Protein backbone atom coordinates (compact mmCIF):
# COMPACT_ATOMS: atom_id res chain seq x y z
CA UNK A 1 32.31 66.86 99.76
CA UNK A 2 33.12 68.38 96.37
CA UNK A 3 34.00 71.76 97.88
CA UNK A 4 36.24 70.11 100.46
CA UNK A 5 37.96 68.10 97.74
CA UNK A 6 38.53 71.26 95.73
CA UNK A 7 40.03 72.95 98.80
CA UNK A 8 42.32 69.97 99.37
CA UNK A 9 43.49 70.04 95.74
CA UNK A 10 44.25 73.74 96.07
CA UNK A 11 46.44 73.09 99.11
CA UNK A 12 44.17 73.67 102.09
CA UNK A 13 45.56 72.35 105.37
CA UNK A 14 42.05 71.76 106.73
CA UNK A 15 38.40 72.51 106.03
CA UNK A 16 35.67 73.85 108.28
CA UNK A 17 32.36 72.07 107.81
CA UNK A 18 29.03 73.11 109.26
CA UNK A 19 25.69 71.43 108.56
CA UNK A 20 23.07 73.35 106.64
CA UNK A 21 19.46 73.90 107.62
CA UNK A 22 17.13 71.37 106.03
CA UNK A 23 13.33 71.56 105.56
CA UNK A 24 13.07 68.74 108.11
CA UNK A 25 15.61 68.62 110.95
CA UNK A 26 18.47 66.23 110.23
CA UNK A 27 18.79 63.18 112.43
CA UNK A 28 21.92 62.51 114.44
CA UNK A 29 22.77 59.67 112.08
CA UNK A 30 22.52 62.01 109.08
CA UNK A 31 24.84 64.55 110.71
CA UNK A 32 27.40 61.86 111.54
CA UNK A 33 27.17 60.70 107.93
CA UNK A 34 27.77 64.25 106.68
CA UNK A 35 31.16 64.42 108.39
CA UNK A 36 32.00 60.82 107.54
CA UNK A 37 31.38 61.47 103.85
CA UNK A 38 33.64 64.54 103.86
CA UNK A 39 36.32 62.51 105.63
CA UNK A 40 36.00 59.62 103.17
CA UNK A 41 36.17 61.99 100.22
CA UNK A 42 39.20 63.87 101.57
CA UNK A 43 41.61 61.35 103.09
CA UNK A 44 43.88 62.75 105.82
CA UNK A 45 42.41 66.26 105.54
CA UNK A 46 41.66 67.60 109.05
CA UNK A 47 38.10 68.81 109.59
CA UNK A 48 36.98 71.65 111.84
CA UNK A 49 33.42 71.04 112.99
CA UNK A 50 31.57 74.33 113.35
CA UNK A 51 28.72 74.30 115.85
CA UNK A 52 26.87 77.57 115.19
CA UNK A 53 23.10 77.06 115.44
CA UNK A 54 22.38 80.80 115.23
CA UNK A 55 23.25 80.70 111.53
CA UNK A 56 22.47 77.08 110.65
CA UNK A 57 19.42 76.34 112.82
CA UNK A 58 21.06 72.95 113.40
CA UNK A 59 21.38 72.08 117.08
CA UNK A 60 24.02 69.46 117.87
CA UNK A 61 23.97 68.00 121.36
CA UNK A 62 27.08 67.24 123.38
CA UNK A 63 26.62 63.46 122.91
CA UNK A 64 26.33 64.02 119.16
CA UNK A 65 29.51 66.12 119.03
CA UNK A 66 31.36 63.45 121.00
CA UNK A 67 29.99 60.76 118.69
CA UNK A 68 31.08 62.58 115.54
CA UNK A 69 34.60 63.02 116.91
CA UNK A 70 34.74 59.36 117.97
CA UNK A 71 33.48 58.01 114.64
CA UNK A 72 35.24 60.40 112.25
CA UNK A 73 38.99 60.34 113.05
CA UNK A 74 39.86 63.38 110.92
CA UNK A 75 37.61 65.72 112.92
CA UNK A 76 40.44 67.49 114.72
CA UNK A 77 38.78 70.59 116.07
CA UNK A 78 35.40 71.97 117.14
CA UNK A 79 34.61 75.65 116.69
CA UNK A 80 32.05 75.83 119.46
CA UNK A 81 29.56 78.68 119.06
CA UNK A 82 26.43 77.22 120.60
CA UNK A 83 25.20 79.34 123.50
CA UNK A 84 25.73 79.14 126.37
CA UNK A 85 29.22 78.19 125.26
CA UNK A 86 30.90 77.76 128.68
CA UNK A 87 28.34 75.16 129.76
CA UNK A 88 28.61 73.22 126.51
CA UNK A 89 32.41 73.27 126.59
CA UNK A 90 32.37 72.01 130.18
CA UNK A 91 29.92 69.24 129.30
CA UNK A 92 31.95 68.12 126.28
CA UNK A 93 35.17 68.05 128.28
CA UNK A 94 33.39 66.04 130.99
CA UNK A 95 32.38 63.43 128.40
CA UNK A 96 35.92 63.27 127.06
CA UNK A 97 37.34 62.93 130.59
CA UNK A 98 35.39 59.69 130.95
CA UNK A 99 35.83 58.50 127.37
CA UNK A 100 38.71 60.24 125.57
CA UNK A 101 38.37 60.55 121.80
CA UNK A 102 40.73 58.41 119.72
CA UNK A 103 42.40 61.48 118.23
CA UNK A 104 43.36 64.88 119.57
CA UNK A 105 40.46 67.29 119.14
CA UNK A 106 40.78 70.91 120.19
CA UNK A 107 37.98 73.35 121.03
CA UNK A 108 38.13 76.91 119.75
CA UNK A 109 36.14 79.97 120.80
CA UNK A 110 34.20 81.92 118.19
CA UNK A 111 31.33 84.41 118.41
CA UNK A 112 33.68 87.36 118.15
CA UNK A 113 35.36 86.36 121.44
CA UNK A 114 32.42 87.91 123.32
CA UNK A 115 32.44 85.06 125.85
CA UNK A 116 36.14 84.26 125.54
CA UNK A 117 37.01 84.77 129.19
CA UNK A 118 34.41 82.27 130.31
CA UNK A 119 35.19 79.80 127.52
CA UNK A 120 38.88 79.79 128.48
CA UNK A 121 37.93 78.84 132.04
CA UNK A 122 36.32 75.67 130.70
CA UNK A 123 39.37 74.53 128.78
CA UNK A 124 39.31 75.88 125.26
CA UNK A 125 42.53 75.81 123.26
CA UNK A 126 42.36 79.09 121.37
CA UNK A 127 40.29 81.43 119.23
CA UNK A 128 38.95 81.25 115.70
CA UNK A 129 36.90 84.35 115.18
CA UNK A 130 36.66 87.74 113.56
CA UNK A 131 38.41 90.46 115.56
CA UNK A 132 40.65 93.18 114.22
CA UNK A 133 43.18 92.79 117.05
CA UNK A 134 44.27 89.13 117.07
CA UNK A 135 47.26 90.06 119.20
CA UNK A 136 44.82 90.61 122.09
CA UNK A 137 43.33 87.15 121.68
CA UNK A 138 46.80 85.63 121.43
CA UNK A 139 47.82 87.30 124.69
CA UNK A 140 44.67 86.12 126.46
CA UNK A 141 45.10 82.56 125.22
CA UNK A 142 48.79 82.46 126.12
CA UNK A 143 47.92 83.30 129.74
CA UNK A 144 45.12 80.74 129.81
CA UNK A 145 47.25 77.95 128.35
CA UNK A 146 49.91 78.73 130.94
CA UNK A 147 47.31 78.27 133.68
CA UNK A 148 47.23 81.94 134.64
CA UNK A 149 43.48 82.49 134.41
CA UNK A 150 43.61 85.59 136.58
CA UNK A 151 45.80 87.35 134.02
CA UNK A 152 43.76 85.97 131.12
CA UNK A 153 40.60 87.36 132.68
CA UNK A 154 42.26 90.68 133.43
CA UNK A 155 43.11 91.09 129.74
CA UNK A 156 39.62 89.98 128.77
CA UNK A 157 38.04 92.56 131.06
CA UNK A 158 40.42 95.26 129.86
CA UNK A 159 39.67 94.79 126.17
CA UNK A 160 36.06 93.63 126.35
CA UNK A 161 34.63 97.07 125.47
CA UNK A 162 36.59 97.01 122.21
CA UNK A 163 35.48 93.43 121.50
CA UNK A 164 31.84 94.34 122.15
CA UNK A 165 32.04 97.50 120.02
CA UNK A 166 33.37 95.60 117.03
CA UNK A 167 30.67 92.93 117.25
CA UNK A 168 27.83 95.29 116.35
CA UNK A 169 25.68 94.01 113.46
CA UNK A 170 27.07 94.39 109.97
CA UNK A 171 30.66 94.76 108.82
CA UNK A 172 31.03 98.54 108.82
CA UNK A 173 32.72 98.79 112.23
CA UNK A 174 35.12 95.94 111.43
CA UNK A 175 36.01 97.44 108.05
CA UNK A 176 36.73 100.78 109.69
CA UNK A 177 39.01 99.02 112.17
CA UNK A 178 40.77 97.28 109.30
CA UNK A 179 41.23 100.69 107.71
CA UNK A 180 42.67 102.11 110.93
CA UNK A 181 45.04 99.14 111.12
CA UNK A 182 46.29 99.82 107.60
CA UNK A 183 44.89 96.59 106.19
CA UNK A 184 42.54 98.21 103.68
CA UNK A 185 42.48 101.67 102.16
CA UNK A 186 38.72 102.20 102.30
CA UNK A 187 36.06 100.95 104.70
CA UNK A 188 33.17 101.37 102.28
CA UNK A 189 30.49 98.69 102.56
CA UNK A 190 28.82 97.56 99.35
CA UNK A 191 25.08 97.92 98.94
CA UNK A 192 22.80 96.86 100.59
CA UNK A 193 25.04 96.89 103.66
CA UNK A 194 25.11 100.06 105.72
CA UNK A 195 28.21 102.24 106.04
CA UNK A 196 29.54 103.53 109.32
CA UNK A 197 28.07 106.86 110.39
CA UNK A 198 30.14 109.85 111.46
CA UNK A 199 28.93 109.46 115.05
CA UNK A 200 29.78 105.77 115.16
CA UNK A 201 33.19 106.36 113.56
CA UNK A 202 33.97 108.97 116.23
CA UNK A 203 32.76 106.66 119.01
CA UNK A 204 34.95 103.87 117.63
CA UNK A 205 38.02 106.11 117.53
CA UNK A 206 37.36 107.12 121.13
CA UNK A 207 37.06 103.50 122.23
CA UNK A 208 40.26 102.52 120.42
CA UNK A 209 41.94 105.40 122.24
CA UNK A 210 40.62 104.21 125.60
CA UNK A 211 41.56 100.58 125.02
CA UNK A 212 44.93 101.28 123.39
CA UNK A 213 46.07 104.72 124.55
CA UNK A 214 49.05 106.07 122.64
CA UNK A 215 49.37 102.92 120.49
CA UNK A 216 49.84 103.09 116.72
CA UNK A 217 47.25 100.50 115.73
CA UNK A 218 48.52 100.49 112.14
CA UNK A 219 51.44 98.45 113.45
CA UNK A 220 51.45 95.10 115.28
CA UNK A 221 50.56 95.70 118.92
CA UNK A 222 53.71 95.72 121.09
CA UNK A 223 53.85 92.92 123.67
CA UNK A 224 54.54 95.47 126.38
CA UNK A 225 50.94 96.67 126.36
CA UNK A 226 49.82 93.28 127.68
CA UNK A 227 51.91 93.58 130.84
CA UNK A 228 49.79 93.46 133.98
């Protein structure tokens, strides 16, 4: 609550809140109370509920997610990263189809967009994830929101090798991509993190070339490359 209040004072438009692992698993009532307390302490501040059990070891069921949204009006978004994500998105949307939440609540794809094509099919509203080429995710989502899933999937399939390559463990590959994009001058990773090897750097450059042939990635990607 205190961190969210500090963020609100500093001008944040929203906060993302995820439950922490406890020595004994938290009850559903305790998790609802967590979000309710943040909402009470930060009036009118939208909350993004992050569902990422791989990092938190907290597993929130679909009925619990629906309950939190129903009982905490400022929960305006769910960053859904609980595998298998397509099935959970479909189940949550099925609950909402029968009993719509009192407020608008969007669902965003995370997990590096690895499963983005399948998440979009189930009715997500966008992406909130680490990827050095957000223009690609924007193009995919624009097609999906327009109802053109065939084109959205075509873009997903086209750029999936680059998405997969970037999602390797650690931050070295992502930092090298940021360097290639002109966002940072050096991709060095601080100890104890590992730095990118010569072989991996060469493989990355080759994949960027395959995914974006002839494109200057230090500039915003031109819309023309997303033509199908």
